[in-house]
Amino acid sequence: MNLLIRKHKVFLLIFLLFLITKIVSLFINHDIWWDSSVYLGMGKYIFSFGSVGLWESSRPLIWPLILGLFWKVGLDSILFGKLLVVIFSLGILILTYVVAYELFNKKIAIVAALFLSLSSAFFLFSNIMHSEIPSTFFTLLGFYFFIKKNYKFSGLFIGIAFMTRFFQIFAFIPLVLLLFYLIMKKKETVKNLFYFFLFFLIPVIPYLILNYLLYNNVFYPFLLQSFMTKYTGWVFFQPFYFYFVNIVKENILVPFSILGILFILKEPDFKKKSIAVMFLFIFIPYNLVAHKEVRLLIPALPFLYILTSYGIFYFINLFKKNKTFILALLLLIFLIFNVPNLKFDKYEDNLDLFYDYVENKEIVNGLWISNPAFIAYSNNKADELIYFPLYNSDKIDELVSNIGNAKHILINTCDLLPCPPYGNSCNQKHDDFIALLKEKFTLESFSENGQCKYYIFN
């Protein structure tokens, strides 16, 4: 043990500092994020057989199942959910180091782990109950088993990653292609490809069966998610170059990854090349989607920073002298730019009005909500998600036709507006919808917060 500590003491220091900051982060007051509320609500819905929580049919189920299990056994699902995300983030840090150490050397592994630990997106979301961190852990674990030639476990964990976040299918594709390549070169057998597929399907098949039972269509959630990716979240629509600019903001040394990719592809070692292939297959699809947020790139960051670290050491090895000085200078530049950008989660949603209503009001049924967080701290069930799958003219027509089923209607207009840019009549229909609610229900509470209007009808 002492030998192990001495051998990896620099990484262990990085790990320990990251662990301390993440433990501190758990005690900083903040509200729950939108997606976190959805996964938590779905978990309650599953384990209560539909009597508590909410249901979004476009989401994968691994993360809701985990959060729901905490709730079911009587634990604080929010606290333990955050704690588990921290554990997953620590696992990602370890796996990044181990993979880089396995394929390259200790120096490259240390720098890659340092880059990841001080990446502002990874640092912020490593205790937020979104699916990026858990799915990234499972992806990295699957990749680790792939380079160790344990294709059964590799397929299994990539399948779990996919069932944690659908976009991780782009981690599955390159591994299949790499296996095909190895088979063509007679370095692997078709049997191993079969096992990889078979174990990938272990977590996927039950989900497909459930889809058939619930929707009579095994692909319904995938089709719905594809629709929502295209038509929702237009406030997050960004130009093609968005990620190229923002990954440099994440780490000013990222351009060295270009060197890393170029020279790693010349490496005779197939396993090293797989790092570049994995990164490109994960990174490129995000650029083709209009909805762009830096947090969505978290699954690509471990691979990116290994490539960046490799590129840096390739660069400094071109110099005969002052290698240590050049490396120290580059790392100093990185620290100067990155450390000031690190932030703890201090999210404030200003929705206490709705939380208080749900907590203090006896609600049996007929609860309509515009935000999943409204019931995140309660054991209530949402009978209608006003925002889901898309708040537009058609959705408003549907809500109006079902208005007789509503008893408690909680609306924050900033959850719903602005209407889709292509919905010409949506804004007028929204105004008419609010007017109808005022006519048919009692306006229990109304307030404004900036441009947001808060309505509670019963």
Protein backbone atom coordinates (compact mmCIF):
# COMPACT_ATOMS: atom_id res chain seq x y z
CA MET A 1 0.00 0.00 0.00
CA ASN A 2 2.80 2.45 0.87
CA LEU A 3 4.47 1.67 -2.47
CA LEU A 4 1.19 2.28 -4.28
CA ILE A 5 0.72 5.63 -2.53
CA ARG A 6 4.25 6.75 -3.30
CA LYS A 7 3.93 5.68 -6.92
CA HIS A 8 0.71 7.63 -7.50
CA LYS A 9 1.10 10.37 -4.89
CA VAL A 10 0.54 13.28 -7.30
CA PHE A 11 -2.72 11.84 -8.59
CA LEU A 12 -3.81 10.99 -5.05
CA LEU A 13 -3.22 14.63 -4.09
CA ILE A 14 -5.40 15.79 -7.01
CA PHE A 15 -8.02 13.22 -6.04
CA LEU A 16 -7.99 14.24 -2.37
CA LEU A 17 -8.33 17.96 -3.13
CA PHE A 18 -11.19 17.28 -5.52
CA LEU A 19 -12.88 15.07 -2.92
CA ILE A 20 -12.61 17.77 -0.24
CA THR A 21 -14.11 20.45 -2.50
CA LYS A 22 -16.97 18.15 -3.48
CA ILE A 23 -17.76 17.32 0.14
CA VAL A 24 -17.84 21.05 0.87
CA SER A 25 -20.15 21.57 -2.12
CA LEU A 26 -22.79 19.31 -0.56
CA PHE A 27 -23.29 21.82 2.25
CA ILE A 28 -23.79 24.86 0.00
CA ASN A 29 -27.46 25.81 -0.23
CA HIS A 30 -28.96 25.59 -3.71
CA ASP A 31 -32.19 24.60 -5.39
CA ILE A 32 -32.73 21.49 -7.46
CA TRP A 33 -32.23 21.72 -11.23
CA TRP A 34 -34.93 20.95 -13.80
CA ASP A 35 -33.56 17.64 -15.12
CA SER A 36 -32.67 16.50 -11.60
CA SER A 37 -36.30 17.06 -10.60
CA VAL A 38 -37.48 14.98 -13.56
CA TYR A 39 -35.25 12.01 -12.74
CA LEU A 40 -36.20 12.19 -9.08
CA GLY A 41 -39.91 12.41 -9.91
CA MET A 42 -39.66 9.47 -12.32
CA GLY A 43 -37.90 7.42 -9.68
CA LYS A 44 -40.74 8.03 -7.23
CA TYR A 45 -43.28 7.24 -9.94
CA ILE A 46 -41.63 3.87 -10.69
CA PHE A 47 -41.34 2.69 -7.09
CA SER A 48 -44.83 3.95 -6.13
CA PHE A 49 -46.39 2.30 -9.22
CA GLY A 50 -47.58 5.65 -10.46
CA SER A 51 -49.10 7.12 -7.29
CA VAL A 52 -46.26 9.63 -6.64
CA GLY A 53 -43.99 11.72 -8.85
CA LEU A 54 -44.19 12.25 -12.58
CA TRP A 55 -43.47 10.49 -15.86
CA GLU A 56 -41.60 11.69 -18.94
CA SER A 57 -41.66 8.98 -21.59
CA SER A 58 -38.64 10.43 -23.44
CA ARG A 59 -36.15 9.61 -20.67
CA PRO A 60 -33.99 6.50 -20.09
CA LEU A 61 -34.56 4.73 -16.79
CA ILE A 62 -31.27 3.80 -15.11
CA TRP A 63 -30.81 7.11 -13.28
CA PRO A 64 -34.47 7.40 -12.18
CA LEU A 65 -34.31 3.82 -10.90
CA ILE A 66 -31.27 4.61 -8.76
CA LEU A 67 -32.75 7.83 -7.33
CA GLY A 68 -36.11 6.17 -6.81
CA LEU A 69 -34.50 3.35 -4.86
CA PHE A 70 -33.09 5.86 -2.35
CA TRP A 71 -36.58 7.28 -1.90
CA LYS A 72 -38.17 3.85 -1.62
CA VAL A 73 -35.89 2.72 1.23
CA GLY A 74 -36.57 5.93 3.15
CA LEU A 75 -33.34 7.83 2.51
CA ASP A 76 -33.11 11.49 1.57
CA SER A 77 -33.09 10.92 -2.19
CA ILE A 78 -31.80 14.41 -2.97
CA LEU A 79 -28.86 14.26 -0.54
CA PHE A 80 -27.95 10.69 -1.44
CA GLY A 81 -28.45 11.42 -5.13
CA LYS A 82 -25.94 14.27 -4.95
CA LEU A 83 -23.57 12.14 -2.93
CA LEU A 84 -23.76 9.38 -5.53
CA VAL A 85 -22.99 11.86 -8.32
CA VAL A 86 -19.90 12.91 -6.36
CA ILE A 87 -18.88 9.25 -6.12
CA PHE A 88 -19.40 8.80 -9.85
CA SER A 89 -17.33 11.93 -10.56
CA LEU A 90 -14.52 10.55 -8.40
CA GLY A 91 -14.80 7.31 -10.35
CA ILE A 92 -14.48 9.25 -13.61
CA LEU A 93 -11.36 10.93 -12.29
CA ILE A 94 -9.85 7.56 -11.35
CA LEU A 95 -10.77 5.97 -14.68
CA THR A 96 -9.34 8.90 -16.66
CA TYR A 97 -6.07 8.49 -14.79
CA VAL A 98 -6.07 4.69 -15.09
CA VAL A 99 -6.86 4.68 -18.83
CA ALA A 100 -4.18 7.31 -19.58
CA TYR A 101 -1.70 5.49 -17.35
CA GLU A 102 -2.50 2.17 -19.01
CA LEU A 103 -2.13 3.47 -22.58
CA PHE A 104 0.57 6.13 -22.15
CA ASN A 105 2.44 6.95 -18.97
CA LYS A 106 2.08 8.47 -15.52
CA LYS A 107 2.88 12.05 -16.57
CA ILE A 108 0.19 12.11 -19.25
CA ALA A 109 -2.25 10.50 -16.81
CA ILE A 110 -1.56 13.08 -14.08
CA VAL A 111 -2.02 16.06 -16.39
CA ALA A 112 -5.21 14.60 -17.91
CA ALA A 113 -6.66 14.05 -14.43
CA LEU A 114 -5.64 17.58 -13.40
CA PHE A 115 -7.34 19.06 -16.47
CA LEU A 116 -10.54 17.14 -15.80
CA SER A 117 -10.68 17.97 -12.08
CA LEU A 118 -10.38 21.69 -12.84
CA SER A 119 -12.69 21.73 -15.84
CA SER A 120 -15.44 24.22 -14.92
CA ALA A 121 -18.30 22.15 -16.41
CA PHE A 122 -17.14 18.91 -14.79
CA PHE A 123 -16.45 20.67 -11.48
CA LEU A 124 -19.90 22.29 -11.37
CA PHE A 125 -21.98 19.29 -12.41
CA SER A 126 -20.11 16.70 -10.35
CA ASN A 127 -22.70 16.99 -7.59
CA ILE A 128 -25.80 17.86 -9.66
CA MET A 129 -28.25 15.02 -10.26
CA HIS A 130 -28.16 15.15 -14.04
CA SER A 131 -27.38 12.08 -16.13
CA GLU A 132 -24.12 13.33 -17.69
CA ILE A 133 -21.86 12.28 -14.81
CA PRO A 134 -23.33 8.77 -14.22
CA SER A 135 -23.44 8.01 -17.96
CA THR A 136 -19.87 9.23 -18.39
CA PHE A 137 -18.71 6.93 -15.60
CA PHE A 138 -20.34 3.91 -17.22
CA THR A 139 -18.95 4.90 -20.63
CA LEU A 140 -15.41 5.19 -19.31
CA LEU A 141 -15.78 1.92 -17.44
CA GLY A 142 -16.96 0.24 -20.62
CA PHE A 143 -14.02 1.70 -22.54
CA TYR A 144 -11.60 0.55 -19.85
CA PHE A 145 -12.84 -3.02 -20.15
CA PHE A 146 -12.62 -2.69 -23.95
CA ILE A 147 -8.91 -1.89 -23.89
CA LYS A 148 -8.46 -4.73 -21.38
CA LYS A 149 -10.17 -7.01 -23.95
CA ASN A 150 -12.98 -7.88 -21.58
CA TYR A 151 -15.68 -7.40 -24.19
CA LYS A 152 -18.51 -8.83 -22.10
CA PHE A 153 -18.18 -6.22 -19.35
CA SER A 154 -17.38 -3.58 -21.93
CA GLY A 155 -20.67 -4.19 -23.74
CA LEU A 156 -22.58 -4.37 -20.46
CA PHE A 157 -21.37 -1.02 -19.14
CA ILE A 158 -21.77 0.72 -22.50
CA GLY A 159 -25.34 -0.61 -22.52
CA ILE A 160 -25.90 0.79 -19.01
CA ALA A 161 -24.44 4.13 -20.17
CA PHE A 162 -26.90 4.13 -23.08
CA MET A 163 -29.78 3.39 -20.73
CA THR A 164 -28.60 6.26 -18.52
CA ARG A 165 -28.36 8.74 -21.38
CA PHE A 166 -29.46 7.97 -24.93
CA PHE A 167 -26.72 10.05 -26.54
CA GLN A 168 -24.18 7.53 -25.28
CA ILE A 169 -25.10 5.39 -28.27
CA PHE A 170 -22.26 7.35 -29.90
CA ALA A 171 -19.86 5.60 -27.51
CA PHE A 172 -21.23 2.23 -28.59
CA ILE A 173 -20.79 2.80 -32.34
CA PRO A 174 -17.00 3.39 -32.37
CA LEU A 175 -16.35 0.34 -30.21
CA VAL A 176 -18.34 -1.82 -32.62
CA LEU A 177 -16.41 -0.37 -35.56
CA LEU A 178 -13.11 -0.92 -33.76
CA LEU A 179 -14.05 -4.53 -33.11
CA PHE A 180 -14.97 -4.99 -36.78
CA TYR A 181 -11.57 -3.57 -37.71
CA LEU A 182 -9.78 -5.96 -35.38
CA ILE A 183 -11.75 -8.88 -36.79
CA MET A 184 -10.77 -7.89 -40.34
CA LYS A 185 -7.13 -7.77 -39.23
CA LYS A 186 -7.62 -11.20 -37.63
CA LYS A 187 -6.70 -9.82 -34.22
CA GLU A 188 -10.11 -10.56 -32.72
CA THR A 189 -12.84 -13.13 -33.24
CA VAL A 190 -16.47 -12.79 -34.25
CA LYS A 191 -17.31 -14.49 -30.96
CA ASN A 192 -16.04 -11.47 -29.00
CA LEU A 193 -18.13 -9.13 -31.15
CA PHE A 194 -21.14 -11.34 -30.44
CA TYR A 195 -20.48 -11.20 -26.69
CA PHE A 196 -20.07 -7.42 -26.86
CA PHE A 197 -23.47 -7.08 -28.56
CA LEU A 198 -25.11 -9.61 -26.27
CA PHE A 199 -23.99 -7.95 -23.05
CA PHE A 200 -24.83 -4.50 -24.45
CA LEU A 201 -28.39 -5.72 -24.93
CA ILE A 202 -28.78 -7.00 -21.34
CA PRO A 203 -29.91 -3.58 -19.98
CA VAL A 204 -31.49 -2.54 -23.30
CA ILE A 205 -33.86 -5.45 -23.99
CA PRO A 206 -35.96 -5.01 -20.80
CA TYR A 207 -36.38 -1.33 -21.70
CA LEU A 208 -37.56 -2.20 -25.22
CA ILE A 209 -40.04 -4.72 -23.82
CA LEU A 210 -41.35 -2.09 -21.39
CA ASN A 211 -41.74 0.36 -24.28
CA TYR A 212 -43.84 -2.16 -26.16
CA LEU A 213 -46.04 -2.76 -23.13
CA LEU A 214 -46.50 0.95 -22.38
CA TYR A 215 -46.61 2.49 -25.86
CA ASN A 216 -47.04 -0.44 -28.25
CA ASN A 217 -43.84 0.78 -29.91
CA VAL A 218 -40.38 -0.34 -28.73
CA PHE A 219 -38.78 2.79 -30.21
CA TYR A 220 -41.28 5.38 -28.97
CA PRO A 221 -39.02 7.09 -26.36
CA PHE A 222 -36.18 7.35 -28.89
CA LEU A 223 -38.50 8.88 -31.50
CA LEU A 224 -39.97 11.28 -28.94
CA GLN A 225 -36.51 12.28 -27.72
CA SER A 226 -35.44 12.88 -31.33
CA PHE A 227 -38.49 15.11 -31.83
CA MET A 228 -37.79 17.05 -28.63
CA THR A 229 -34.12 17.50 -29.50
CA LYS A 230 -35.17 19.10 -32.75
CA TYR A 231 -38.10 21.24 -31.60
CA THR A 232 -37.64 22.06 -27.90
CA GLY A 233 -35.00 24.08 -26.08
CA TRP A 234 -34.78 26.68 -28.85
CA VAL A 235 -33.53 29.18 -26.26
CA PHE A 236 -30.38 27.01 -26.20
CA PHE A 237 -29.96 26.89 -29.98
CA GLN A 238 -26.37 27.83 -30.80
CA PRO A 239 -24.23 28.09 -33.96
CA PHE A 240 -22.08 25.20 -35.17
CA TYR A 241 -18.86 26.60 -33.71
CA PHE A 242 -20.30 26.92 -30.16
CA TYR A 243 -18.50 23.89 -28.71
CA PHE A 244 -15.20 24.66 -30.44
CA VAL A 245 -15.15 28.06 -28.73
CA ASN A 246 -16.34 26.85 -25.36
CA ILE A 247 -13.99 23.89 -24.97
CA VAL A 248 -11.14 26.40 -25.32
CA LYS A 249 -12.83 28.46 -22.60
CA GLU A 250 -12.97 25.28 -20.53
CA ASN A 251 -9.24 24.75 -21.02
CA ILE A 252 -7.05 27.18 -22.93
CA LEU A 253 -4.62 24.34 -23.68
CA VAL A 254 -7.22 22.26 -25.53
CA PRO A 255 -5.76 23.17 -28.96
CA PHE A 256 -2.95 20.77 -28.06
CA SER A 257 -5.54 18.02 -28.49
CA ILE A 258 -5.29 18.59 -32.25
CA LEU A 259 -1.64 17.62 -32.03
CA GLY A 260 -2.67 14.72 -29.85
CA ILE A 261 -5.18 13.43 -32.40
CA LEU A 262 -2.84 13.88 -35.37
CA PHE A 263 0.08 12.07 -33.80
CA ILE A 264 -1.86 9.45 -31.90
CA LEU A 265 -3.33 8.23 -35.18
CA LYS A 266 0.23 7.56 -36.33
CA GLU A 267 0.87 5.39 -33.29
CA PRO A 268 1.23 1.68 -34.07
CA ASP A 269 -0.64 0.82 -30.85
CA PHE A 270 -4.28 0.26 -31.75
CA LYS A 271 -5.46 0.90 -28.18
CA LYS A 272 -3.98 4.40 -28.22
CA LYS A 273 -5.74 5.19 -31.48
CA SER A 274 -9.03 4.13 -29.89
CA ILE A 275 -8.85 7.18 -27.58
CA ALA A 276 -8.99 9.53 -30.59
CA VAL A 277 -11.73 7.49 -32.26
CA MET A 278 -13.86 7.53 -29.11
CA PHE A 279 -13.48 11.27 -28.67
CA LEU A 280 -14.39 12.08 -32.28
CA PHE A 281 -17.47 9.84 -32.28
CA ILE A 282 -18.72 11.31 -29.01
CA PHE A 283 -17.84 14.94 -29.79
CA ILE A 284 -18.92 15.37 -33.41
CA PRO A 285 -22.65 14.47 -33.03
CA TYR A 286 -23.13 17.20 -30.41
CA ASN A 287 -22.10 19.78 -32.98
CA LEU A 288 -24.83 18.64 -35.36
CA VAL A 289 -27.61 19.32 -32.83
CA ALA A 290 -28.96 22.87 -32.56
CA HIS A 291 -29.45 22.64 -28.77
CA LYS A 292 -26.00 23.17 -27.30
CA GLU A 293 -24.85 23.45 -23.68
CA VAL A 294 -21.33 22.89 -22.39
CA ARG A 295 -22.55 20.40 -19.76
CA LEU A 296 -23.68 18.08 -22.55
CA LEU A 297 -20.04 17.62 -23.55
CA ILE A 298 -19.02 16.10 -20.20
CA PRO A 299 -18.90 12.53 -21.66
CA ALA A 300 -16.28 13.72 -24.17
CA LEU A 301 -14.07 15.55 -21.66
CA PRO A 302 -12.03 12.61 -20.26
CA PHE A 303 -11.03 11.57 -23.79
CA LEU A 304 -10.40 15.19 -24.81
CA TYR A 305 -8.09 15.83 -21.87
CA ILE A 306 -6.13 12.63 -22.40
CA LEU A 307 -5.57 13.75 -26.00
CA THR A 308 -4.66 17.26 -24.84
CA SER A 309 -2.17 15.91 -22.32
CA TYR A 310 -0.65 13.62 -24.95
CA GLY A 311 -0.36 16.56 -27.36
CA ILE A 312 1.35 18.72 -24.75
CA PHE A 313 3.99 16.11 -23.97
CA TYR A 314 4.53 15.43 -27.66
CA PHE A 315 5.06 19.18 -28.13
CA ILE A 316 7.51 19.69 -25.26
CA ASN A 317 9.49 16.61 -26.32
CA LEU A 318 10.34 18.48 -29.52
CA PHE A 319 12.60 20.67 -27.41
CA LYS A 320 15.97 19.36 -26.31
CA LYS A 321 16.19 21.64 -23.31
CA ASN A 322 13.86 23.30 -20.81
CA LYS A 323 11.18 20.64 -21.07
CA THR A 324 10.29 20.94 -17.41
CA PHE A 325 10.13 24.74 -17.63
CA ILE A 326 7.84 24.64 -20.69
CA LEU A 327 5.52 22.14 -19.01
CA ALA A 328 5.43 24.21 -15.81
CA LEU A 329 4.68 27.36 -17.82
CA LEU A 330 1.82 25.70 -19.69
CA LEU A 331 0.30 24.32 -16.50
CA LEU A 332 0.63 27.72 -14.82
CA ILE A 333 -1.24 29.32 -17.73
CA PHE A 334 -3.93 26.66 -17.39
CA LEU A 335 -4.30 27.27 -13.64
CA ILE A 336 -4.46 31.04 -14.05
CA PHE A 337 -7.28 30.77 -16.57
CA ASN A 338 -9.24 27.87 -15.03
CA VAL A 339 -9.19 28.20 -11.26
CA PRO A 340 -11.04 31.57 -11.19
CA ASN A 341 -13.80 30.03 -13.33
CA LEU A 342 -14.58 27.19 -10.91
CA LYS A 343 -18.00 27.57 -9.30
CA PHE A 344 -20.03 25.67 -6.76
CA ASP A 345 -23.69 24.99 -7.42
CA LYS A 346 -25.60 27.98 -6.01
CA TYR A 347 -28.64 27.68 -8.24
CA GLU A 348 -31.59 29.75 -7.02
CA ASP A 349 -34.90 29.18 -8.82
CA ASN A 350 -37.10 31.61 -6.80
CA LEU A 351 -39.95 29.09 -6.76
CA ASP A 352 -40.62 29.00 -3.01
CA LEU A 353 -44.22 30.10 -3.64
CA PHE A 354 -44.94 26.82 -5.41
CA TYR A 355 -42.98 24.70 -2.95
CA ASP A 356 -44.95 26.16 -0.04
CA TYR A 357 -48.26 25.54 -1.79
CA VAL A 358 -47.49 21.89 -2.55
CA GLU A 359 -46.18 21.32 0.98
CA ASN A 360 -49.11 22.92 2.81
CA LYS A 361 -52.05 22.12 0.54
CA GLU A 362 -53.83 18.78 0.64
CA ILE A 363 -53.63 17.60 -2.96
CA VAL A 364 -55.33 14.33 -3.85
CA ASN A 365 -55.39 14.50 -7.65
CA GLY A 366 -55.70 16.86 -10.59
CA LEU A 367 -52.28 18.51 -10.10
CA TRP A 368 -50.99 20.29 -13.23
CA ILE A 369 -47.48 21.74 -13.15
CA SER A 370 -45.28 23.75 -15.50
CA ASN A 371 -42.05 22.75 -13.73
CA PRO A 372 -40.98 19.32 -12.38
CA ALA A 373 -39.25 20.97 -9.42
CA PHE A 374 -42.63 21.98 -7.94
CA ILE A 375 -43.08 18.46 -6.52
CA ALA A 376 -39.40 17.50 -6.06
CA TYR A 377 -39.57 17.94 -2.27
CA SER A 378 -42.95 16.29 -1.83
CA ASN A 379 -44.74 12.99 -2.34
CA ASN A 380 -47.35 14.39 -4.68
CA LYS A 381 -48.17 13.13 -8.15
CA ALA A 382 -48.31 15.40 -11.21
CA ASP A 383 -51.28 14.38 -13.36
CA GLU A 384 -50.35 16.78 -16.14
CA LEU A 385 -47.00 18.17 -17.23
CA ILE A 386 -47.99 21.41 -18.90
CA TYR A 387 -44.54 21.77 -20.46
CA PHE A 388 -44.21 18.23 -21.85
CA PRO A 389 -43.31 17.27 -24.48
CA LEU A 390 -43.59 20.74 -26.03
CA TYR A 391 -45.64 23.77 -25.05
CA ASN A 392 -47.10 24.95 -28.34
CA SER A 393 -50.52 25.54 -29.92
CA ASP A 394 -51.31 21.83 -30.08
CA LYS A 395 -50.37 21.32 -26.44
CA ILE A 396 -52.54 24.24 -25.36
CA ASP A 397 -55.48 22.79 -27.31
CA GLU A 398 -54.93 19.48 -25.52
CA LEU A 399 -54.83 21.19 -22.12
CA VAL A 400 -58.04 23.10 -22.86
CA SER A 401 -59.82 19.90 -23.92
CA ASN A 402 -58.80 18.21 -20.64
CA ILE A 403 -59.40 21.20 -18.38
CA GLY A 404 -62.14 19.35 -16.53
CA ASN A 405 -59.54 17.01 -15.02
CA ALA A 406 -57.57 19.84 -13.37
CA LYS A 407 -57.95 20.81 -9.73
CA HIS A 408 -54.63 22.50 -8.90
CA ILE A 409 -52.74 24.33 -11.65
CA LEU A 410 -49.27 25.74 -10.95
CA ILE A 411 -47.72 27.84 -13.69
CA ASN A 412 -44.50 29.77 -14.00
CA THR A 413 -44.76 31.40 -17.43
CA CYS A 414 -40.97 31.39 -17.82
CA ASP A 415 -41.17 27.58 -17.93
CA LEU A 416 -43.42 27.81 -20.98
CA LEU A 417 -42.57 30.99 -22.84
CA PRO A 418 -41.41 32.10 -25.29
CA CYS A 419 -43.48 29.96 -27.61
CA PRO A 420 -41.72 28.14 -30.44
CA PRO A 421 -40.68 30.62 -33.15
CA TYR A 422 -42.67 28.70 -35.74
CA GLY A 423 -45.89 28.72 -33.65
CA ASN A 424 -47.67 31.79 -35.00
CA SER A 425 -50.81 31.40 -32.89
CA CYS A 426 -49.16 30.05 -29.73
CA ASN A 427 -48.75 33.35 -27.88
CA GLN A 428 -52.40 34.28 -28.40
CA LYS A 429 -53.52 30.80 -27.39
CA HIS A 430 -51.38 31.08 -24.24
CA ASP A 431 -53.12 34.32 -23.29
CA ASP A 432 -56.51 32.73 -23.98
CA PHE A 433 -55.51 29.70 -21.88
CA ILE A 434 -54.61 31.88 -18.88
CA ALA A 435 -57.88 33.79 -19.32
CA LEU A 436 -59.80 30.48 -19.35
CA LEU A 437 -58.09 29.38 -16.13
CA LYS A 438 -59.05 32.66 -14.46
CA GLU A 439 -62.64 32.10 -15.56
CA LYS A 440 -62.99 28.49 -14.44
CA PHE A 441 -60.77 28.39 -11.34
CA THR A 442 -59.97 30.47 -8.29
CA LEU A 443 -56.70 32.36 -8.57
CA GLU A 444 -55.15 31.33 -5.26
CA SER A 445 -51.94 33.25 -5.78
CA PHE A 446 -50.30 35.51 -8.32
CA SER A 447 -46.93 37.24 -8.29
CA GLU A 448 -44.24 38.39 -10.69
CA ASN A 449 -40.50 37.84 -10.67
CA GLY A 450 -38.92 39.84 -13.46
CA GLN A 451 -40.57 38.67 -16.67
CA CYS A 452 -41.92 35.53 -15.00
CA LYS A 453 -45.54 35.40 -13.89
CA TYR A 454 -46.48 32.95 -11.16
CA TYR A 455 -50.05 31.58 -11.12
CA ILE A 456 -51.62 29.11 -8.72
CA PHE A 457 -55.20 28.12 -9.55
CA ASN A 458 -57.49 25.75 -7.68
